[in-house]
Amino acid sequence: MLVGLSENDNRILARDATKESKFFCPSCQEQLILKKGNVKIHHFAHKAESTCLYAGESLDHLQTKLQIYDALLQHPKVINVELEKPLGLVRPDIIFSMWGIEIVIEIQNSPIDIPEIDKRNTEYARLNTPILWLLPNKLVPKVNYKMECKTTQWQRYLHKIYNEKIYFHVIGLDVFPLHYKEIVRQYDKRLLEDHPYIVFGKALVNTKRMKMYKNLNIIDDFAWFFYSQRSQLLWADEHGLWWNTKDSEVK
């Protein structure tokens, strides 16, 4: 965790905390251990026996959160940026305000059940808060020597609700969308030579094509959208079905 509660119930970032004080988890109220020393990022940790939902976040996850948080603090359109702030039944990684609305970011670094995605999305929609589900670069599907790749069910579900795209973090506020499209397995070798950024592969039993777009800024290139099938509010890019245009290759 990046944020803990002081003995006076004040929220404090781990990087601003001192080991002389005591800190507690905003969710389970357990006392936290301040990890500050020869580590990549200062953070709070639960004790080993803790069963808290928010125990055990990886350093990569924490680093991504803090990097986006710091970048949002510097953006002129953004106000009221907070980390790990509880909102009723949910606790987003990041929440910020723009144009009079609150927007949340969930950084998904590990497998998650689809019902849990729907549960969180439904709660955010109830709060009139658009959500961006963001994945780290390390989860980009790997392609083997047969030009095949596999994606997980929860990743394909996020791909579906975001109108056939899924977002991966690059650096700061930059992300790149990835699109999968079903194709026939047979293809001409010249197609790969003519389109070096198109990757052919398969997800489970389905043959897929991945297409990446140029990097986008989650503030300047995004807006909120309504996903009618699940009555959910989503924070997504404004470039529409960009894979049908000449700009759909990586830049």
C-alpha atoms as a PDB file:
ATOM      1  CA  MET A   1       0.000   0.000   0.000  1.00  0.00           C
ATOM      2  CA  LEU A   2       1.111   3.552  -0.649  1.00  0.00           C
ATOM      3  CA  VAL A   3      -1.262   5.225   1.822  1.00  0.00           C
ATOM      4  CA  GLY A   4      -1.775   4.551   5.528  1.00  0.00           C
ATOM      5  CA  LEU A   5      -3.657   6.181   8.379  1.00  0.00           C
ATOM      6  CA  SER A   6      -1.827   7.935  11.178  1.00  0.00           C
ATOM      7  CA  GLU A   7      -2.850   7.560  14.814  1.00  0.00           C
ATOM      8  CA  ASN A   8      -4.923  10.723  14.271  1.00  0.00           C
ATOM      9  CA  ASP A   9      -6.713   9.113  11.283  1.00  0.00           C
ATOM     10  CA  ASN A  10      -4.911  11.334   8.763  1.00  0.00           C
ATOM     11  CA  ARG A  11      -4.043   9.814   5.388  1.00  0.00           C
ATOM     12  CA  ILE A  12      -0.312   9.858   4.641  1.00  0.00           C
ATOM     13  CA  LEU A  13       1.874   8.625   1.789  1.00  0.00           C
ATOM     14  CA  ALA A  14       4.542   6.120   2.750  1.00  0.00           C
ATOM     15  CA  ARG A  15       7.230   8.308   1.202  1.00  0.00           C
ATOM     16  CA  ASP A  16       6.236  11.113   3.606  1.00  0.00           C
ATOM     17  CA  ALA A  17       6.002   8.899   6.695  1.00  0.00           C
ATOM     18  CA  THR A  18       8.618   8.290   9.400  1.00  0.00           C
ATOM     19  CA  LYS A  19       9.320   5.038  11.195  1.00  0.00           C
ATOM     20  CA  GLU A  20       8.908   6.688  14.592  1.00  0.00           C
ATOM     21  CA  SER A  21       5.121   6.783  14.108  1.00  0.00           C
ATOM     22  CA  LYS A  22       2.412   4.113  13.892  1.00  0.00           C
ATOM     23  CA  PHE A  23       0.234   3.633  10.821  1.00  0.00           C
ATOM     24  CA  PHE A  24      -2.879   1.611  10.119  1.00  0.00           C
ATOM     25  CA  CYS A  25      -4.655   0.164   7.086  1.00  0.00           C
ATOM     26  CA  PRO A  26      -7.610   2.348   5.961  1.00  0.00           C
ATOM     27  CA  SER A  27      -9.501  -0.827   5.046  1.00  0.00           C
ATOM     28  CA  CYS A  28      -8.921  -3.432   7.775  1.00  0.00           C
ATOM     29  CA  GLN A  29      -7.509  -1.121  10.492  1.00  0.00           C
ATOM     30  CA  GLU A  30      -4.541  -3.451  11.125  1.00  0.00           C
ATOM     31  CA  GLN A  31      -1.232  -1.853  12.046  1.00  0.00           C
ATOM     32  CA  LEU A  32       1.050  -1.512   9.030  1.00  0.00           C
ATOM     33  CA  ILE A  33       4.791  -1.922   8.607  1.00  0.00           C
ATOM     34  CA  LEU A  34       6.525   1.020   6.950  1.00  0.00           C
ATOM     35  CA  LYS A  35       8.957  -0.240   4.309  1.00  0.00           C
ATOM     36  CA  LYS A  36      11.460   2.539   3.810  1.00  0.00           C
ATOM     37  CA  GLY A  37      15.082   1.805   3.036  1.00  0.00           C
ATOM     38  CA  ASN A  38      16.908   0.012   0.258  1.00  0.00           C
ATOM     39  CA  VAL A  39      13.741  -0.712  -1.696  1.00  0.00           C
ATOM     40  CA  LYS A  40      12.564   0.548  -5.070  1.00  0.00           C
ATOM     41  CA  ILE A  41       9.565   2.323  -3.630  1.00  0.00           C
ATOM     42  CA  HIS A  42       8.518   3.329  -0.119  1.00  0.00           C
ATOM     43  CA  HIS A  43       5.317   1.572   0.922  1.00  0.00           C
ATOM     44  CA  PHE A  44       3.274   0.124   3.766  1.00  0.00           C
ATOM     45  CA  ALA A  45       2.984  -3.624   4.216  1.00  0.00           C
ATOM     46  CA  HIS A  46       0.608  -5.806   6.202  1.00  0.00           C
ATOM     47  CA  LYS A  47       1.944  -8.419   8.575  1.00  0.00           C
ATOM     48  CA  ALA A  48       2.511 -11.851   7.067  1.00  0.00           C
ATOM     49  CA  GLU A  49      -0.595 -13.395   8.633  1.00  0.00           C
ATOM     50  CA  SER A  50      -2.913 -10.632   7.409  1.00  0.00           C
ATOM     51  CA  THR A  51      -5.986 -11.597   5.388  1.00  0.00           C
ATOM     52  CA  CYS A  52      -6.702  -8.038   4.224  1.00  0.00           C
ATOM     53  CA  LEU A  53      -7.876  -7.755   0.629  1.00  0.00           C
ATOM     54  CA  TYR A  54      -5.188  -5.156  -0.062  1.00  0.00           C
ATOM     55  CA  ALA A  55      -2.231  -7.060   1.385  1.00  0.00           C
ATOM     56  CA  GLY A  56       0.486  -8.321  -0.928  1.00  0.00           C
ATOM     57  CA  GLU A  57       0.490  -5.782  -3.772  1.00  0.00           C
ATOM     58  CA  SER A  58       3.620  -6.177  -5.878  1.00  0.00           C
ATOM     59  CA  LEU A  59       6.290  -3.476  -6.083  1.00  0.00           C
ATOM     60  CA  ASP A  60       5.572  -3.184  -9.823  1.00  0.00           C
ATOM     61  CA  HIS A  61       1.932  -2.439  -9.052  1.00  0.00           C
ATOM     62  CA  LEU A  62       2.880   0.168  -6.450  1.00  0.00           C
ATOM     63  CA  GLN A  63       5.422   1.775  -8.777  1.00  0.00           C
ATOM     64  CA  THR A  64       2.858   2.087 -11.585  1.00  0.00           C
ATOM     65  CA  LYS A  65       0.328   3.667  -9.225  1.00  0.00           C
ATOM     66  CA  LEU A  66       2.805   6.186  -7.873  1.00  0.00           C
ATOM     67  CA  GLN A  67       4.087   7.103 -11.330  1.00  0.00           C
ATOM     68  CA  ILE A  68       0.578   7.822 -12.643  1.00  0.00           C
ATOM     69  CA  TYR A  69      -0.312   9.679  -9.441  1.00  0.00           C
ATOM     70  CA  ASP A  70       2.724  11.976  -9.723  1.00  0.00           C
ATOM     71  CA  ALA A  71       2.013  12.622 -13.424  1.00  0.00           C
ATOM     72  CA  LEU A  72      -1.633  13.517 -12.676  1.00  0.00           C
ATOM     73  CA  LEU A  73      -0.507  16.013 -10.027  1.00  0.00           C
ATOM     74  CA  GLN A  74       1.393  17.874 -12.743  1.00  0.00           C
ATOM     75  CA  HIS A  75      -1.419  17.954 -15.334  1.00  0.00           C
ATOM     76  CA  PRO A  76      -3.137  21.388 -15.550  1.00  0.00           C
ATOM     77  CA  LYS A  77      -6.605  19.925 -16.183  1.00  0.00           C
ATOM     78  CA  VAL A  78      -6.552  17.624 -13.162  1.00  0.00           C
ATOM     79  CA  ILE A  79      -7.417  18.397  -9.514  1.00  0.00           C
ATOM     80  CA  ASN A  80      -7.912  16.453  -6.275  1.00  0.00           C
ATOM     81  CA  VAL A  81      -5.679  13.477  -7.062  1.00  0.00           C
ATOM     82  CA  GLU A  82      -5.697  10.761  -4.388  1.00  0.00           C
ATOM     83  CA  LEU A  83      -4.288   7.272  -3.988  1.00  0.00           C
ATOM     84  CA  GLU A  84      -6.212   4.302  -2.619  1.00  0.00           C
ATOM     85  CA  LYS A  85      -9.173   6.349  -1.394  1.00  0.00           C
ATOM     86  CA  PRO A  86     -12.139   4.220  -0.204  1.00  0.00           C
ATOM     87  CA  LEU A  87     -15.399   4.952  -2.056  1.00  0.00           C
ATOM     88  CA  GLY A  88     -18.178   3.006  -0.409  1.00  0.00           C
ATOM     89  CA  LEU A  89     -17.794  -0.618  -1.498  1.00  0.00           C
ATOM     90  CA  VAL A  90     -14.720   0.000  -3.658  1.00  0.00           C
ATOM     91  CA  ARG A  91     -11.216   1.382  -3.256  1.00  0.00           C
ATOM     92  CA  PRO A  92      -9.691   2.480  -6.582  1.00  0.00           C
ATOM     93  CA  ASP A  93      -5.944   2.671  -7.033  1.00  0.00           C
ATOM     94  CA  ILE A  94      -6.245   6.317  -8.122  1.00  0.00           C
ATOM     95  CA  ILE A  95      -9.051   8.876  -8.137  1.00  0.00           C
ATOM     96  CA  PHE A  96      -8.937  12.388  -9.616  1.00  0.00           C
ATOM     97  CA  SER A  97     -11.300  15.149 -10.722  1.00  0.00           C
ATOM     98  CA  MET A  98     -11.728  16.809 -14.110  1.00  0.00           C
ATOM     99  CA  TRP A  99     -14.533  18.939 -15.593  1.00  0.00           C
ATOM    100  CA  GLY A 100     -16.449  18.596 -12.336  1.00  0.00           C
ATOM    101  CA  ILE A 101     -16.492  14.773 -12.347  1.00  0.00           C
ATOM    102  CA  GLU A 102     -14.442  12.180 -10.517  1.00  0.00           C
ATOM    103  CA  ILE A 103     -12.594   9.514 -12.516  1.00  0.00           C
ATOM    104  CA  VAL A 104     -10.974   6.357 -11.166  1.00  0.00           C
ATOM    105  CA  ILE A 105      -8.170   4.103 -12.370  1.00  0.00           C
ATOM    106  CA  GLU A 106      -7.859   0.423 -11.486  1.00  0.00           C
ATOM    107  CA  ILE A 107      -4.426  -1.015 -12.289  1.00  0.00           C
ATOM    108  CA  GLN A 108      -4.924  -4.740 -12.738  1.00  0.00           C
ATOM    109  CA  ASN A 109      -1.656  -6.562 -12.215  1.00  0.00           C
ATOM    110  CA  SER A 110      -3.022 -10.031 -11.430  1.00  0.00           C
ATOM    111  CA  PRO A 111      -5.901 -12.322 -12.492  1.00  0.00           C
ATOM    112  CA  ILE A 112      -9.377 -11.188 -11.497  1.00  0.00           C
ATOM    113  CA  ASP A 113     -12.816 -12.807 -11.746  1.00  0.00           C
ATOM    114  CA  ILE A 114     -15.258 -11.312 -14.238  1.00  0.00           C
ATOM    115  CA  PRO A 115     -17.997 -10.987 -11.567  1.00  0.00           C
ATOM    116  CA  GLU A 116     -15.576  -8.875  -9.521  1.00  0.00           C
ATOM    117  CA  ILE A 117     -14.975  -6.587 -12.533  1.00  0.00           C
ATOM    118  CA  ASP A 118     -18.741  -6.186 -12.971  1.00  0.00           C
ATOM    119  CA  LYS A 119     -19.225  -5.607  -9.239  1.00  0.00           C
ATOM    120  CA  ARG A 120     -16.710  -2.774  -9.164  1.00  0.00           C
ATOM    121  CA  ASN A 121     -17.931  -1.261 -12.427  1.00  0.00           C
ATOM    122  CA  THR A 122     -21.526  -1.301 -11.183  1.00  0.00           C
ATOM    123  CA  GLU A 123     -20.540   0.447  -7.966  1.00  0.00           C
ATOM    124  CA  TYR A 124     -18.552   3.109  -9.841  1.00  0.00           C
ATOM    125  CA  ALA A 125     -21.515   3.669 -12.164  1.00  0.00           C
ATOM    126  CA  ARG A 126     -23.764   4.083  -9.110  1.00  0.00           C
ATOM    127  CA  LEU A 127     -21.364   6.794  -7.957  1.00  0.00           C
ATOM    128  CA  ASN A 128     -21.400   8.390 -11.461  1.00  0.00           C
ATOM    129  CA  THR A 129     -17.656   7.756 -11.659  1.00  0.00           C
ATOM    130  CA  PRO A 130     -16.098   6.576 -14.964  1.00  0.00           C
ATOM    131  CA  ILE A 131     -13.437   3.887 -14.626  1.00  0.00           C
ATOM    132  CA  LEU A 132     -10.294   3.055 -16.570  1.00  0.00           C
ATOM    133  CA  TRP A 133      -8.969  -0.486 -16.225  1.00  0.00           C
ATOM    134  CA  LEU A 134      -5.248  -0.349 -16.974  1.00  0.00           C
ATOM    135  CA  LEU A 135      -2.801  -3.236 -17.350  1.00  0.00           C
ATOM    136  CA  PRO A 136       0.992  -3.137 -16.962  1.00  0.00           C
ATOM    137  CA  ASN A 137       3.228  -3.658 -19.984  1.00  0.00           C
ATOM    138  CA  LYS A 138       4.353  -7.044 -18.686  1.00  0.00           C
ATOM    139  CA  LEU A 139       0.865  -8.454 -19.366  1.00  0.00           C
ATOM    140  CA  VAL A 140       0.998  -7.769 -23.110  1.00  0.00           C
ATOM    141  CA  PRO A 141       0.365 -11.229 -24.660  1.00  0.00           C
ATOM    142  CA  LYS A 142       3.603 -12.929 -25.668  1.00  0.00           C
ATOM    143  CA  VAL A 143       3.936 -14.367 -29.164  1.00  0.00           C
ATOM    144  CA  ASN A 144       5.761 -17.690 -29.652  1.00  0.00           C
ATOM    145  CA  TYR A 145       7.802 -18.901 -32.602  1.00  0.00           C
ATOM    146  CA  LYS A 146       4.606 -20.130 -34.298  1.00  0.00           C
ATOM    147  CA  MET A 147       3.229 -16.573 -34.187  1.00  0.00           C
ATOM    148  CA  GLU A 148       0.654 -17.689 -31.602  1.00  0.00           C
ATOM    149  CA  CYS A 149      -0.372 -15.962 -28.390  1.00  0.00           C
ATOM    150  CA  LYS A 150      -2.796 -16.611 -25.564  1.00  0.00           C
ATOM    151  CA  THR A 151      -4.972 -14.150 -23.695  1.00  0.00           C
ATOM    152  CA  THR A 152      -6.919 -14.715 -20.490  1.00  0.00           C
ATOM    153  CA  GLN A 153     -10.675 -14.622 -20.073  1.00  0.00           C
ATOM    154  CA  TRP A 154     -10.663 -11.509 -17.891  1.00  0.00           C
ATOM    155  CA  GLN A 155      -8.452  -9.653 -20.379  1.00  0.00           C
ATOM    156  CA  ARG A 156     -10.805 -10.526 -23.228  1.00  0.00           C
ATOM    157  CA  TYR A 157     -13.717  -9.353 -21.088  1.00  0.00           C
ATOM    158  CA  LEU A 158     -12.121  -5.937 -20.556  1.00  0.00           C
ATOM    159  CA  HIS A 159     -11.414  -5.887 -24.297  1.00  0.00           C
ATOM    160  CA  LYS A 160     -15.135  -6.432 -24.937  1.00  0.00           C
ATOM    161  CA  ILE A 161     -16.505  -3.754 -22.645  1.00  0.00           C
ATOM    162  CA  TYR A 162     -14.030  -1.157 -23.952  1.00  0.00           C
ATOM    163  CA  ASN A 163     -15.375  -1.577 -27.483  1.00  0.00           C
ATOM    164  CA  GLU A 164     -12.740  -4.122 -28.599  1.00  0.00           C
ATOM    165  CA  LYS A 165      -9.656  -2.554 -27.067  1.00  0.00           C
ATOM    166  CA  ILE A 166      -7.592  -3.007 -23.919  1.00  0.00           C
ATOM    167  CA  TYR A 167      -5.138  -0.536 -22.388  1.00  0.00           C
ATOM    168  CA  PHE A 168      -1.527  -1.068 -21.296  1.00  0.00           C
ATOM    169  CA  HIS A 169       0.516   1.445 -19.318  1.00  0.00           C
ATOM    170  CA  VAL A 170       3.695   2.819 -20.910  1.00  0.00           C
ATOM    171  CA  ILE A 171       5.035   5.655 -18.763  1.00  0.00           C
ATOM    172  CA  GLY A 172       3.530   8.607 -16.906  1.00  0.00           C
ATOM    173  CA  LEU A 173       0.074   9.235 -18.395  1.00  0.00           C
ATOM    174  CA  ASP A 174       0.885   7.436 -21.664  1.00  0.00           C
ATOM    175  CA  VAL A 175      -0.871   4.183 -22.529  1.00  0.00           C
ATOM    176  CA  PHE A 176      -1.313   2.172 -25.695  1.00  0.00           C
ATOM    177  CA  PRO A 177      -4.540   0.433 -26.726  1.00  0.00           C
ATOM    178  CA  LEU A 178      -4.439  -3.067 -28.152  1.00  0.00           C
ATOM    179  CA  HIS A 179      -7.129  -4.522 -30.415  1.00  0.00           C
ATOM    180  CA  TYR A 180      -7.798  -8.204 -31.125  1.00  0.00           C
ATOM    181  CA  LYS A 181      -9.690  -9.218 -34.224  1.00  0.00           C
ATOM    182  CA  GLU A 182     -10.680 -12.683 -35.414  1.00  0.00           C
ATOM    183  CA  ILE A 183      -9.125 -13.736 -38.713  1.00  0.00           C
ATOM    184  CA  VAL A 184      -8.632 -16.899 -40.744  1.00  0.00           C
ATOM    185  CA  ARG A 185      -5.504 -18.821 -39.707  1.00  0.00           C
ATOM    186  CA  GLN A 186      -4.074 -18.951 -43.238  1.00  0.00           C
ATOM    187  CA  TYR A 187      -2.275 -15.814 -44.369  1.00  0.00           C
ATOM    188  CA  ASP A 188       0.173 -14.657 -47.000  1.00  0.00           C
ATOM    189  CA  LYS A 189       3.746 -14.176 -45.798  1.00  0.00           C
ATOM    190  CA  ARG A 190       3.867 -10.875 -47.680  1.00  0.00           C
ATOM    191  CA  LEU A 191       1.180  -9.539 -45.354  1.00  0.00           C
ATOM    192  CA  LEU A 192       3.571  -9.771 -42.436  1.00  0.00           C
ATOM    193  CA  GLU A 193       6.304  -8.090 -44.460  1.00  0.00           C
ATOM    194  CA  ASP A 194       3.985  -5.246 -45.506  1.00  0.00           C
ATOM    195  CA  HIS A 195       2.576  -4.762 -41.992  1.00  0.00           C
ATOM    196  CA  PRO A 196       5.393  -5.344 -39.488  1.00  0.00           C
ATOM    197  CA  TYR A 197       3.341  -4.167 -36.506  1.00  0.00           C
ATOM    198  CA  ILE A 198       0.515  -6.652 -36.984  1.00  0.00           C
ATOM    199  CA  VAL A 199       0.880  -9.836 -34.961  1.00  0.00           C
ATOM    200  CA  PHE A 200      -1.045 -12.978 -35.806  1.00  0.00           C
ATOM    201  CA  GLY A 201      -1.853 -15.500 -33.131  1.00  0.00           C
ATOM    202  CA  LYS A 202      -4.613 -17.225 -31.235  1.00  0.00           C
ATOM    203  CA  ALA A 203      -6.365 -16.908 -27.905  1.00  0.00           C
ATOM    204  CA  LEU A 204      -7.518 -20.307 -26.654  1.00  0.00           C
ATOM    205  CA  VAL A 205      -9.345 -21.836 -29.646  1.00  0.00           C
ATOM    206  CA  ASN A 206      -9.823 -18.579 -31.528  1.00  0.00           C
ATOM    207  CA  THR A 207      -7.340 -17.171 -33.990  1.00  0.00           C
ATOM    208  CA  LYS A 208      -6.727 -13.508 -33.237  1.00  0.00           C
ATOM    209  CA  ARG A 209      -4.987 -10.521 -34.712  1.00  0.00           C
ATOM    210  CA  MET A 210      -3.486  -7.922 -32.409  1.00  0.00           C
ATOM    211  CA  LYS A 211      -3.252  -4.348 -33.567  1.00  0.00           C
ATOM    212  CA  MET A 212      -1.601  -1.630 -31.494  1.00  0.00           C
ATOM    213  CA  TYR A 213      -2.257   2.075 -31.757  1.00  0.00           C
ATOM    214  CA  LYS A 214       0.108   4.953 -31.115  1.00  0.00           C
ATOM    215  CA  ASN A 215       0.545   5.965 -27.483  1.00  0.00           C
ATOM    216  CA  LEU A 216      -2.343   7.969 -26.012  1.00  0.00           C
ATOM    217  CA  ASN A 217      -2.602  10.278 -23.012  1.00  0.00           C
ATOM    218  CA  ILE A 218      -5.268   9.197 -20.520  1.00  0.00           C
ATOM    219  CA  ILE A 219      -6.277  12.830 -19.967  1.00  0.00           C
ATOM    220  CA  ASP A 220      -5.933  14.516 -23.360  1.00  0.00           C
ATOM    221  CA  ASP A 221      -7.176  11.579 -25.486  1.00  0.00           C
ATOM    222  CA  PHE A 222      -9.856  10.097 -23.216  1.00  0.00           C
ATOM    223  CA  ALA A 223     -13.473  10.802 -22.251  1.00  0.00           C
ATOM    224  CA  TRP A 224     -16.271   8.962 -20.449  1.00  0.00           C
ATOM    225  CA  PHE A 225     -18.554   6.497 -22.242  1.00  0.00           C
ATOM    226  CA  PHE A 226     -21.633   4.499 -21.230  1.00  0.00           C
ATOM    227  CA  TYR A 227     -21.497   0.725 -21.671  1.00  0.00           C
ATOM    228  CA  SER A 228     -25.200   0.018 -22.108  1.00  0.00           C
ATOM    229  CA  GLN A 229     -25.054  -3.793 -21.855  1.00  0.00           C
ATOM    230  CA  ARG A 230     -23.934  -3.541 -18.231  1.00  0.00           C
ATOM    231  CA  SER A 231     -25.034   0.040 -17.408  1.00  0.00           C
ATOM    232  CA  GLN A 232     -21.436   0.982 -16.647  1.00  0.00           C
ATOM    233  CA  LEU A 233     -19.450   4.210 -17.048  1.00  0.00           C
ATOM    234  CA  LEU A 234     -16.046   3.782 -18.638  1.00  0.00           C
ATOM    235  CA  TRP A 235     -13.074   6.077 -19.237  1.00  0.00           C
ATOM    236  CA  ALA A 236     -11.884   5.283 -22.780  1.00  0.00           C
ATOM    237  CA  ASP A 237     -10.064   6.862 -25.713  1.00  0.00           C
ATOM    238  CA  GLU A 238     -11.924   9.061 -28.176  1.00  0.00           C
ATOM    239  CA  HIS A 239     -10.367   7.557 -31.309  1.00  0.00           C
ATOM    240  CA  GLY A 240     -13.208   5.112 -31.928  1.00  0.00           C
ATOM    241  CA  LEU A 241     -12.556   2.100 -34.151  1.00  0.00           C
ATOM    242  CA  TRP A 242      -9.032   3.255 -34.936  1.00  0.00           C
ATOM    243  CA  TRP A 243      -7.911  -0.171 -36.218  1.00  0.00           C
ATOM    244  CA  ASN A 244      -9.956   0.457 -39.369  1.00  0.00           C
ATOM    245  CA  THR A 245      -7.797   3.438 -40.329  1.00  0.00           C
ATOM    246  CA  LYS A 246      -4.327   3.833 -41.780  1.00  0.00           C
ATOM    247  CA  ASP A 247      -3.115   5.189 -38.415  1.00  0.00           C
ATOM    248  CA  SER A 248      -3.722   1.898 -36.630  1.00  0.00           C
ATOM    249  CA  GLU A 249      -0.115   0.744 -36.712  1.00  0.00           C
ATOM    250  CA  VAL A 250       2.294   1.499 -33.890  1.00  0.00           C
ATOM    251  CA  LYS A 251       4.000   4.900 -34.132  1.00  0.00           C
END
